Amino acid sequence: MKKVKITVLRSTFNEDLARDYGIPGLKPCNMMKEGQVFYAELGKPEGFCDGAWRTIHPYVFALANGAKQFYFNDWVRQPGVAITCCNDGLRPVFFKLEATDEEVKSPFI
């Protein structure tokens, strides 16, 4: 199983949707910052958003276990990479997920 590098690519804010549906004063995500890098091993990285983790975890798990492509190979051109985002429709954060060559050390050995 490989470590997966998670890079925050973009933090967005849909002002029109936030105005129409969000709570008063809603602002862009204050937890994830563009350029942040995390490494996933056997679980959610320290300081990573719980909601974003629940959304991206299936891709992280697949990449950690050797997936090179997703869907019908018609998504991301670089093998071993996924571009995805959290499921916050008002202020989605986009991530680049990359399998690394570094093995995760098992806690059972």
Protein backbone atom coordinates (compact mmCIF):
# COMPACT_ATOMS: atom_id res chain seq x y z
CA MET A 1 0.00 0.00 0.00
CA LYS A 2 1.40 3.42 -1.02
CA LYS A 3 1.19 6.82 0.62
CA VAL A 4 -1.00 9.26 -1.28
CA LYS A 5 -0.06 12.92 -1.62
CA ILE A 6 -3.02 15.30 -1.36
CA THR A 7 -2.51 18.84 -2.63
CA VAL A 8 -5.14 21.56 -2.20
CA LEU A 9 -5.46 23.02 -5.70
CA ARG A 10 -8.23 25.55 -5.30
CA SER A 11 -10.70 26.81 -2.73
CA THR A 12 -13.79 28.26 -4.36
CA PHE A 13 -16.85 30.13 -3.20
CA ASN A 14 -20.13 30.22 -5.11
CA GLU A 15 -21.34 33.62 -4.01
CA ASP A 16 -24.69 33.40 -5.76
CA LEU A 17 -25.55 30.04 -4.21
CA ALA A 18 -24.25 31.12 -0.80
CA ARG A 19 -26.39 34.26 -1.01
CA ASP A 20 -29.50 32.28 -1.99
CA TYR A 21 -29.05 29.21 0.22
CA GLY A 22 -26.27 29.72 2.76
CA ILE A 23 -26.46 31.04 6.26
CA PRO A 24 -25.98 34.80 6.60
CA GLY A 25 -22.30 35.71 6.52
CA LEU A 26 -21.12 32.41 5.05
CA LYS A 27 -17.51 32.73 3.86
CA PRO A 28 -15.15 30.52 1.81
CA CYS A 29 -13.71 27.43 3.51
CA ASN A 30 -11.30 28.50 6.23
CA MET A 31 -9.84 25.04 6.83
CA MET A 32 -8.23 24.13 3.51
CA LYS A 33 -5.76 26.57 1.92
CA GLU A 34 -4.48 26.48 -1.66
CA GLY A 35 -1.05 24.88 -1.80
CA GLN A 36 -1.43 22.83 1.39
CA VAL A 37 -0.01 19.32 1.10
CA PHE A 38 -1.07 16.30 3.15
CA TYR A 39 0.02 12.67 3.02
CA ALA A 40 -2.53 9.92 3.60
CA GLU A 41 -1.25 6.69 5.10
CA LEU A 42 -3.72 4.48 6.97
CA GLY A 43 -6.34 7.15 7.59
CA LYS A 44 -7.26 10.80 7.41
CA PRO A 45 -4.21 13.06 7.63
CA GLU A 46 -3.85 15.26 10.71
CA GLY A 47 -5.61 18.61 10.20
CA PHE A 48 -7.59 17.48 7.15
CA CYS A 49 -11.28 18.37 6.89
CA ASP A 50 -13.57 15.49 7.95
CA GLY A 51 -16.17 16.26 5.28
CA ALA A 52 -13.61 16.48 2.49
CA TRP A 53 -12.01 13.23 3.67
CA ARG A 54 -15.33 11.37 3.49
CA THR A 55 -15.69 12.55 -0.11
CA ILE A 56 -12.18 11.86 -1.41
CA HIS A 57 -11.37 8.75 0.62
CA PRO A 58 -12.51 6.23 -2.05
CA TYR A 59 -10.05 7.76 -4.53
CA VAL A 60 -7.25 7.85 -1.95
CA PHE A 61 -7.88 4.18 -1.09
CA ALA A 62 -7.90 3.16 -4.76
CA LEU A 63 -4.67 5.04 -5.52
CA ALA A 64 -2.97 3.65 -2.41
CA ASN A 65 -3.80 0.17 -3.63
CA GLY A 66 -2.51 0.57 -7.16
CA ALA A 67 -5.31 2.15 -9.21
CA LYS A 68 -3.93 3.95 -12.23
CA GLN A 69 -7.12 5.11 -13.98
CA PHE A 70 -10.72 5.78 -13.00
CA TYR A 71 -13.99 5.30 -14.81
CA PHE A 72 -13.38 4.55 -18.49
CA ASN A 73 -9.88 6.08 -18.69
CA ASP A 74 -11.55 9.30 -19.85
CA TRP A 75 -10.93 11.51 -16.88
CA VAL A 76 -7.35 12.43 -15.89
CA ARG A 77 -4.58 11.85 -18.42
CA GLN A 78 -1.83 11.08 -15.91
CA PRO A 79 -1.97 7.54 -14.45
CA GLY A 80 -2.06 7.39 -10.66
CA VAL A 81 -3.58 10.86 -10.31
CA ALA A 82 -7.11 12.00 -9.49
CA ILE A 83 -8.53 15.53 -9.43
CA THR A 84 -11.57 15.75 -7.19
CA CYS A 85 -13.31 18.04 -4.73
CA CYS A 86 -15.23 17.97 -1.50
CA ASN A 87 -19.01 17.90 -1.68
CA ASP A 88 -19.65 21.38 -0.25
CA GLY A 89 -21.71 22.90 -3.04
CA LEU A 90 -21.41 26.42 -1.69
CA ARG A 91 -17.64 26.46 -1.13
CA PRO A 92 -16.01 23.43 -2.77
CA VAL A 93 -12.31 22.75 -2.37
CA PHE A 94 -10.43 20.96 -5.17
CA PHE A 95 -7.68 18.42 -4.61
CA LYS A 96 -5.00 16.66 -6.61
CA LEU A 97 -4.41 13.12 -5.36
CA GLU A 98 -1.22 11.31 -6.36
CA ALA A 99 0.03 7.86 -5.50
CA THR A 100 3.64 8.04 -4.28
CA ASP A 101 6.32 5.37 -4.41
CA GLU A 102 6.57 5.33 -0.62
CA GLU A 103 5.13 2.27 1.11
CA VAL A 104 2.93 2.69 4.16
CA LYS A 105 4.41 0.96 7.18
CA SER A 106 1.98 -1.54 8.67
CA PRO A 107 1.28 -1.09 12.39
CA PHE A 108 1.03 -4.91 12.67
CA ILE A 109 4.67 -5.68 11.86
